[in-house]
Amino acid sequence: MAMQWIVLWGLVAITASALGAILAGIKNRDVSYWMAWSFLVPPLVVWLLLTPKNKGPRPRQPRLDDIDRRENGPL
């Protein structure tokens, strides 16, 4: 019985993650952020559904190279 619950949660988490990515793209939000949080906490998809659409460019996470340069300075 426990195995069925684990499989069910896994399917719900994967489905919520995919739905979170689609909704984040539609709502002009950071796709990877919402995809990850929707996987960990599937009810966040409802929260994303209720948020208004962002105006302007989609926010993007800085690349790891940019973070390294900012923290450690140029090489």
N, C-alpha and C. Protein backbone atom coordinates (compact mmCIF):
# COMPACT_ATOMS: atom_id res chain seq x y z
N MET A 1 0.81 -1.20 0.00
CA MET A 1 0.00 0.00 0.00
C MET A 1 0.86 1.27 0.00
N ALA A 2 1.95 1.24 0.75
CA ALA A 2 2.82 2.42 0.82
C ALA A 2 3.45 2.70 -0.55
N MET A 3 3.77 1.65 -1.27
CA MET A 3 4.38 1.83 -2.58
C MET A 3 3.43 2.54 -3.53
N GLN A 4 2.14 2.27 -3.43
CA GLN A 4 1.15 2.93 -4.28
C GLN A 4 1.08 4.43 -3.99
N TRP A 5 1.18 4.79 -2.71
CA TRP A 5 1.17 6.22 -2.35
C TRP A 5 2.41 6.93 -2.86
N ILE A 6 3.54 6.24 -2.80
CA ILE A 6 4.78 6.84 -3.29
C ILE A 6 4.70 7.07 -4.80
N VAL A 7 4.19 6.09 -5.52
CA VAL A 7 4.04 6.21 -6.96
C VAL A 7 3.03 7.30 -7.30
N LEU A 8 1.93 7.35 -6.55
CA LEU A 8 0.92 8.39 -6.77
C LEU A 8 1.50 9.77 -6.54
N TRP A 9 2.26 9.96 -5.45
CA TRP A 9 2.87 11.26 -5.18
C TRP A 9 3.87 11.62 -6.29
N GLY A 10 4.62 10.63 -6.76
CA GLY A 10 5.58 10.89 -7.84
C GLY A 10 4.88 11.35 -9.11
N LEU A 11 3.78 10.70 -9.46
CA LEU A 11 3.03 11.12 -10.65
C LEU A 11 2.44 12.51 -10.49
N VAL A 12 1.90 12.79 -9.30
CA VAL A 12 1.34 14.12 -9.03
C VAL A 12 2.44 15.17 -9.09
N ALA A 13 3.61 14.87 -8.53
CA ALA A 13 4.72 15.84 -8.52
C ALA A 13 5.22 16.12 -9.93
N ILE A 14 5.36 15.09 -10.74
CA ILE A 14 5.83 15.28 -12.11
C ILE A 14 4.81 16.05 -12.94
N THR A 15 3.54 15.71 -12.75
CA THR A 15 2.48 16.43 -13.47
C THR A 15 2.42 17.89 -13.04
N ALA A 16 2.52 18.14 -11.73
CA ALA A 16 2.50 19.52 -11.23
C ALA A 16 3.70 20.30 -11.74
N SER A 17 4.85 19.65 -11.84
CA SER A 17 6.05 20.31 -12.34
C SER A 17 5.87 20.73 -13.81
N ALA A 18 5.33 19.83 -14.61
CA ALA A 18 5.10 20.16 -16.03
C ALA A 18 4.05 21.27 -16.16
N LEU A 19 2.99 21.17 -15.38
CA LEU A 19 1.95 22.21 -15.41
C LEU A 19 2.49 23.54 -14.92
N GLY A 20 3.35 23.51 -13.89
CA GLY A 20 3.98 24.74 -13.40
C GLY A 20 4.86 25.39 -14.45
N ALA A 21 5.58 24.57 -15.23
CA ALA A 21 6.42 25.12 -16.30
C ALA A 21 5.57 25.77 -17.38
N ILE A 22 4.48 25.12 -17.75
CA ILE A 22 3.60 25.68 -18.79
C ILE A 22 2.97 26.98 -18.31
N LEU A 23 2.45 26.98 -17.08
CA LEU A 23 1.81 28.19 -16.56
C LEU A 23 2.80 29.33 -16.37
N ALA A 24 4.03 29.00 -15.93
CA ALA A 24 5.05 30.03 -15.76
C ALA A 24 5.40 30.67 -17.10
N GLY A 25 5.45 29.87 -18.15
CA GLY A 25 5.72 30.42 -19.48
C GLY A 25 4.61 31.33 -19.94
N ILE A 26 3.38 30.93 -19.68
CA ILE A 26 2.22 31.75 -20.07
C ILE A 26 2.17 33.04 -19.26
N LYS A 27 2.50 32.95 -17.97
CA LYS A 27 2.41 34.11 -17.09
C LYS A 27 3.68 34.96 -17.07
N ASN A 28 4.64 34.63 -17.94
CA ASN A 28 5.88 35.40 -18.08
C ASN A 28 6.69 35.42 -16.78
N ARG A 29 6.87 34.24 -16.21
CA ARG A 29 7.64 34.09 -14.98
C ARG A 29 8.81 33.14 -15.22
N ASP A 30 9.72 33.04 -14.25
CA ASP A 30 10.89 32.18 -14.37
C ASP A 30 10.45 30.71 -14.36
N VAL A 31 10.63 30.04 -15.49
CA VAL A 31 10.13 28.68 -15.67
C VAL A 31 10.82 27.69 -14.73
N SER A 32 12.15 27.74 -14.63
CA SER A 32 12.87 26.75 -13.82
C SER A 32 12.52 26.89 -12.34
N TYR A 33 12.32 28.10 -11.87
CA TYR A 33 11.95 28.34 -10.47
C TYR A 33 10.60 27.70 -10.16
N TRP A 34 9.61 27.98 -10.99
CA TRP A 34 8.27 27.46 -10.74
C TRP A 34 8.19 25.97 -11.00
N MET A 35 8.98 25.46 -11.92
CA MET A 35 8.99 24.03 -12.19
C MET A 35 9.52 23.26 -10.97
N ALA A 36 10.60 23.76 -10.40
CA ALA A 36 11.20 23.10 -9.24
C ALA A 36 10.28 23.16 -8.02
N TRP A 37 9.74 24.34 -7.72
CA TRP A 37 8.88 24.46 -6.55
C TRP A 37 7.56 23.71 -6.72
N SER A 38 7.06 23.64 -7.93
CA SER A 38 5.83 22.87 -8.18
C SER A 38 6.09 21.38 -8.02
N PHE A 39 7.29 20.93 -8.31
CA PHE A 39 7.63 19.53 -8.10
C PHE A 39 7.69 19.21 -6.61
N LEU A 40 8.30 20.10 -5.83
CA LEU A 40 8.44 19.85 -4.40
C LEU A 40 7.13 20.05 -3.64
N VAL A 41 6.37 21.06 -4.02
CA VAL A 41 5.10 21.38 -3.35
C VAL A 41 4.03 21.54 -4.43
N PRO A 42 3.41 20.45 -4.86
CA PRO A 42 2.46 20.50 -5.98
C PRO A 42 1.31 21.52 -5.83
N PRO A 43 0.79 21.81 -4.64
CA PRO A 43 -0.28 22.82 -4.57
C PRO A 43 0.13 24.23 -4.99
N LEU A 44 1.43 24.49 -5.13
CA LEU A 44 1.87 25.81 -5.59
C LEU A 44 1.41 26.12 -7.01
N VAL A 45 1.01 25.10 -7.76
CA VAL A 45 0.48 25.33 -9.11
C VAL A 45 -0.78 26.17 -9.03
N VAL A 46 -1.59 25.95 -7.99
CA VAL A 46 -2.81 26.75 -7.80
C VAL A 46 -2.43 28.19 -7.52
N TRP A 47 -1.39 28.41 -6.71
CA TRP A 47 -0.92 29.76 -6.41
C TRP A 47 -0.45 30.45 -7.70
N LEU A 48 0.29 29.73 -8.52
CA LEU A 48 0.76 30.29 -9.79
C LEU A 48 -0.41 30.61 -10.71
N LEU A 49 -1.41 29.78 -10.69
CA LEU A 49 -2.59 30.01 -11.52
C LEU A 49 -3.31 31.29 -11.11
N LEU A 50 -3.28 31.63 -9.82
CA LEU A 50 -3.99 32.81 -9.32
C LEU A 50 -3.19 34.11 -9.44
N THR A 51 -1.88 34.02 -9.69
CA THR A 51 -1.07 35.23 -9.80
C THR A 51 -1.30 35.91 -11.15
N PRO A 52 -1.18 37.24 -11.18
CA PRO A 52 -1.36 37.93 -12.46
C PRO A 52 -0.14 37.75 -13.36
N LYS A 53 -0.33 38.01 -14.63
CA LYS A 53 0.76 37.90 -15.60
C LYS A 53 1.74 39.05 -15.41
N ASN A 54 3.04 38.74 -15.48
CA ASN A 54 4.08 39.76 -15.39
C ASN A 54 4.14 40.55 -16.68
N LYS A 55 4.35 41.84 -16.55
CA LYS A 55 4.56 42.69 -17.71
C LYS A 55 6.05 42.91 -17.87
N GLY A 56 6.50 43.09 -19.08
CA GLY A 56 7.92 43.30 -19.33
C GLY A 56 8.63 41.99 -19.58
N PRO A 57 9.98 42.02 -19.56
CA PRO A 57 10.74 40.81 -19.87
C PRO A 57 10.64 39.77 -18.75
N ARG A 58 10.77 38.51 -19.14
CA ARG A 58 10.71 37.42 -18.17
C ARG A 58 11.95 37.47 -17.29
N PRO A 59 11.82 37.35 -15.98
CA PRO A 59 13.01 37.33 -15.11
C PRO A 59 13.82 36.07 -15.36
N ARG A 60 15.11 36.21 -15.37
CA ARG A 60 15.99 35.07 -15.62
C ARG A 60 16.99 34.95 -14.48
N GLN A 61 17.35 33.72 -14.18
CA GLN A 61 18.37 33.47 -13.17
C GLN A 61 19.73 33.78 -13.79
N PRO A 62 20.65 34.40 -13.01
CA PRO A 62 21.98 34.65 -13.57
C PRO A 62 22.72 33.34 -13.78
N ARG A 63 23.59 33.31 -14.78
CA ARG A 63 24.40 32.12 -15.03
C ARG A 63 25.42 31.95 -13.92
N LEU A 64 25.92 30.74 -13.74
CA LEU A 64 26.90 30.49 -12.69
C LEU A 64 28.17 31.28 -12.92
N ASP A 65 28.55 31.48 -14.17
CA ASP A 65 29.75 32.29 -14.47
C ASP A 65 29.56 33.73 -14.00
N ASP A 66 28.38 34.28 -14.20
CA ASP A 66 28.10 35.64 -13.76
C ASP A 66 28.16 35.75 -12.23
N ILE A 67 27.63 34.77 -11.55
CA ILE A 67 27.66 34.77 -10.09
C ILE A 67 29.10 34.67 -9.60
N ASP A 68 29.89 33.80 -10.23
CA ASP A 68 31.31 33.67 -9.87
C ASP A 68 32.06 34.98 -10.05
N ARG A 69 31.84 35.64 -11.19
CA ARG A 69 32.53 36.92 -11.44
C ARG A 69 32.12 37.98 -10.42
N ARG A 70 30.86 38.00 -10.06
CA ARG A 70 30.38 38.99 -9.10
C ARG A 70 30.96 38.77 -7.72
N GLU A 71 31.07 37.50 -7.31
CA GLU A 71 31.55 37.19 -5.96
C GLU A 71 33.07 37.19 -5.86
N ASN A 72 33.76 36.71 -6.88
CA ASN A 72 35.21 36.53 -6.80
C ASN A 72 36.00 37.54 -7.62
N GLY A 73 35.32 38.36 -8.37
CA GLY A 73 36.00 39.32 -9.21
C GLY A 73 36.52 38.69 -10.48
N PRO A 74 37.00 39.50 -11.41
CA PRO A 74 37.52 38.94 -12.67
C PRO A 74 38.82 38.17 -12.41
N LEU A 75 39.07 37.17 -13.23
CA LEU A 75 40.27 36.35 -13.05
C LEU A 75 41.49 36.99 -13.61
